[in-house]
Amino acid sequence: MTAQPILPPTDEASPALDIYRQFRGLIVSGQLGAGERLPTVRQTASDLGVAPGTAAKAYKLLERDGLVITRTAAGTRVAESAAALPRSVVRRIRDLVTDSKSAGIGVDDVIDVLRAVWQAESGAAAQPDETGPTS
């Protein structure tokens, strides 16, 4: 998984629910795109210092809510219908963030340029207002 690392559970009473909430947040925020693979249950358990059964319970909750799909050979992946963005778009956004940071470009500049390109590509570029004031 290339998204931000998952933090250790904060709620000692319900570590499975904590893991569920963290993955859910990554999925619905678009940090994990459709089709992206989650770490194995064993890897998640090891990374977070919990029992494999605890991690498995969290994965079952994610599956119950339709956020992930588990297949034997393919592992656990974000469901197409659950992700805010497709995996290819998330990958490109991550690359954009990395490149922008390396070049010392701020987030506001990147967002402004993204909006301008989006509008231009959509044919919705701002047109001069014919009824507005003239100089």
Protein backbone atom coordinates (compact mmCIF):
# COMPACT_ATOMS: atom_id res chain seq x y z
CA MET A 1 0.00 0.00 0.00
CA THR A 2 1.39 3.39 -0.89
CA ALA A 3 -0.98 5.55 1.11
CA GLN A 4 -0.03 7.15 4.38
CA PRO A 5 0.92 4.63 7.04
CA ILE A 6 -1.83 3.49 9.35
CA LEU A 7 -1.42 4.73 12.89
CA PRO A 8 -1.44 2.33 15.82
CA PRO A 9 -4.91 1.84 17.32
CA THR A 10 -5.94 4.62 19.69
CA ASP A 11 -9.00 3.01 21.30
CA GLU A 12 -7.70 0.17 23.46
CA ALA A 13 -11.23 -1.15 23.99
CA SER A 14 -11.87 -1.73 20.29
CA PRO A 15 -8.73 -2.07 18.17
CA ALA A 16 -10.66 -3.79 15.34
CA LEU A 17 -13.04 -0.85 15.11
CA ASP A 18 -10.09 1.53 15.16
CA ILE A 19 -8.44 -0.30 12.25
CA TYR A 20 -11.75 -0.32 10.39
CA ARG A 21 -12.18 3.44 10.87
CA GLN A 22 -8.65 4.18 9.67
CA PHE A 23 -9.03 2.15 6.48
CA ARG A 24 -12.52 3.55 5.93
CA GLY A 25 -11.10 7.07 6.19
CA LEU A 26 -8.39 6.28 3.64
CA ILE A 27 -10.97 4.81 1.25
CA VAL A 28 -13.69 7.47 1.44
CA SER A 29 -11.16 10.30 1.32
CA GLY A 30 -9.73 8.93 -1.89
CA GLN A 31 -6.31 8.15 -0.45
CA LEU A 32 -6.94 4.54 -1.42
CA GLY A 33 -8.35 4.31 -4.93
CA ALA A 34 -10.65 1.74 -6.46
CA GLY A 35 -8.88 -1.56 -6.95
CA GLU A 36 -5.95 -0.71 -4.69
CA ARG A 37 -4.78 -3.57 -2.56
CA LEU A 38 -4.76 -3.43 1.23
CA PRO A 39 -1.95 -5.10 3.15
CA THR A 40 -2.59 -8.68 4.16
CA VAL A 41 -4.36 -9.29 7.46
CA ARG A 42 -1.10 -10.64 8.89
CA GLN A 43 0.85 -7.60 7.70
CA THR A 44 -1.71 -5.21 9.19
CA ALA A 45 -1.67 -7.12 12.48
CA SER A 46 2.13 -7.08 12.57
CA ASP A 47 2.36 -3.37 11.66
CA LEU A 48 -0.13 -2.38 14.35
CA GLY A 49 0.90 -4.83 17.04
CA VAL A 50 -2.47 -6.57 17.25
CA ALA A 51 -3.57 -10.18 16.90
CA PRO A 52 -4.33 -11.39 13.36
CA GLY A 53 -7.90 -12.09 14.47
CA THR A 54 -8.32 -8.43 15.40
CA ALA A 55 -7.14 -7.28 11.98
CA ALA A 56 -9.33 -9.91 10.32
CA LYS A 57 -12.36 -8.59 12.21
CA ALA A 58 -11.65 -5.08 10.90
CA TYR A 59 -11.37 -6.40 7.34
CA LYS A 60 -14.70 -8.24 7.77
CA LEU A 61 -16.32 -4.95 8.84
CA LEU A 62 -14.91 -3.23 5.75
CA GLU A 63 -16.22 -6.04 3.56
CA ARG A 64 -19.62 -5.98 5.27
CA ASP A 65 -19.93 -2.29 4.44
CA GLY A 66 -18.99 -2.86 0.80
CA LEU A 67 -15.75 -0.90 1.07
CA VAL A 68 -13.47 -3.79 0.13
CA ILE A 69 -13.67 -7.08 -1.72
CA THR A 70 -11.55 -10.05 -0.66
CA ARG A 71 -10.48 -12.66 -3.20
CA THR A 72 -8.18 -15.57 -2.39
CA ALA A 73 -5.60 -14.96 -5.13
CA ALA A 74 -6.04 -11.18 -5.40
CA GLY A 75 -6.12 -10.29 -1.71
CA THR A 76 -8.27 -7.51 -0.28
CA ARG A 77 -8.88 -4.59 -2.61
CA VAL A 78 -10.91 -1.38 -2.43
CA ALA A 79 -14.30 -1.95 -4.04
CA GLU A 80 -14.93 -0.02 -7.26
CA SER A 81 -18.11 1.45 -5.79
CA ALA A 82 -16.48 2.50 -2.50
CA ALA A 83 -13.61 4.63 -3.67
CA ALA A 84 -13.96 8.32 -4.32
CA LEU A 85 -11.48 8.09 -7.20
CA PRO A 86 -10.15 5.36 -9.48
CA ARG A 87 -6.72 3.95 -8.63
CA SER A 88 -5.12 5.50 -11.73
CA VAL A 89 -6.28 8.99 -10.72
CA VAL A 90 -5.09 8.53 -7.11
CA ARG A 91 -1.70 7.37 -8.44
CA ARG A 92 -1.40 10.46 -10.64
CA ILE A 93 -2.40 12.75 -7.78
CA ARG A 94 0.26 11.18 -5.57
CA ASP A 95 2.83 11.71 -8.34
CA LEU A 96 1.70 15.33 -8.72
CA VAL A 97 2.06 15.93 -4.98
CA THR A 98 5.53 14.36 -4.93
CA ASP A 99 6.71 16.33 -7.97
CA SER A 100 5.21 19.59 -6.68
CA LYS A 101 6.85 19.21 -3.28
CA SER A 102 10.20 18.41 -4.91
CA ALA A 103 9.90 21.57 -7.01
CA GLY A 104 8.94 23.67 -3.99
CA ILE A 105 5.47 24.43 -5.36
CA GLY A 106 2.73 25.10 -2.82
CA VAL A 107 -0.60 23.32 -2.69
CA ASP A 108 -2.59 26.49 -3.48
CA ASP A 109 -0.65 27.03 -6.71
CA VAL A 110 -1.18 23.41 -7.75
CA ILE A 111 -4.91 23.60 -7.01
CA ASP A 112 -5.25 26.89 -8.93
CA VAL A 113 -3.53 25.41 -11.97
CA LEU A 114 -5.58 22.20 -11.71
CA ARG A 115 -8.80 24.23 -11.67
CA ALA A 116 -7.69 26.30 -14.66
CA VAL A 117 -6.74 23.19 -16.65
CA TRP A 118 -9.98 21.47 -15.64
CA GLN A 119 -12.06 24.43 -16.80
CA ALA A 120 -10.13 24.73 -20.06
CA GLU A 121 -10.50 21.01 -20.78
CA SER A 122 -14.19 21.15 -19.92
CA GLY A 123 -14.81 24.06 -22.25
CA ALA A 124 -15.93 26.05 -19.22
CA ALA A 125 -13.08 28.53 -19.19
CA ALA A 126 -14.18 31.85 -17.83
CA GLN A 127 -15.47 34.08 -20.58
CA PRO A 128 -15.49 37.87 -20.25
CA ASP A 129 -18.81 39.14 -18.94
CA GLU A 130 -20.37 41.27 -21.69
CA THR A 131 -22.67 43.01 -19.22
CA GLY A 132 -19.97 43.92 -16.73
CA PRO A 133 -18.16 47.23 -16.37
CA THR A 134 -15.75 48.30 -19.08
CA SER A 135 -12.49 50.12 -18.63
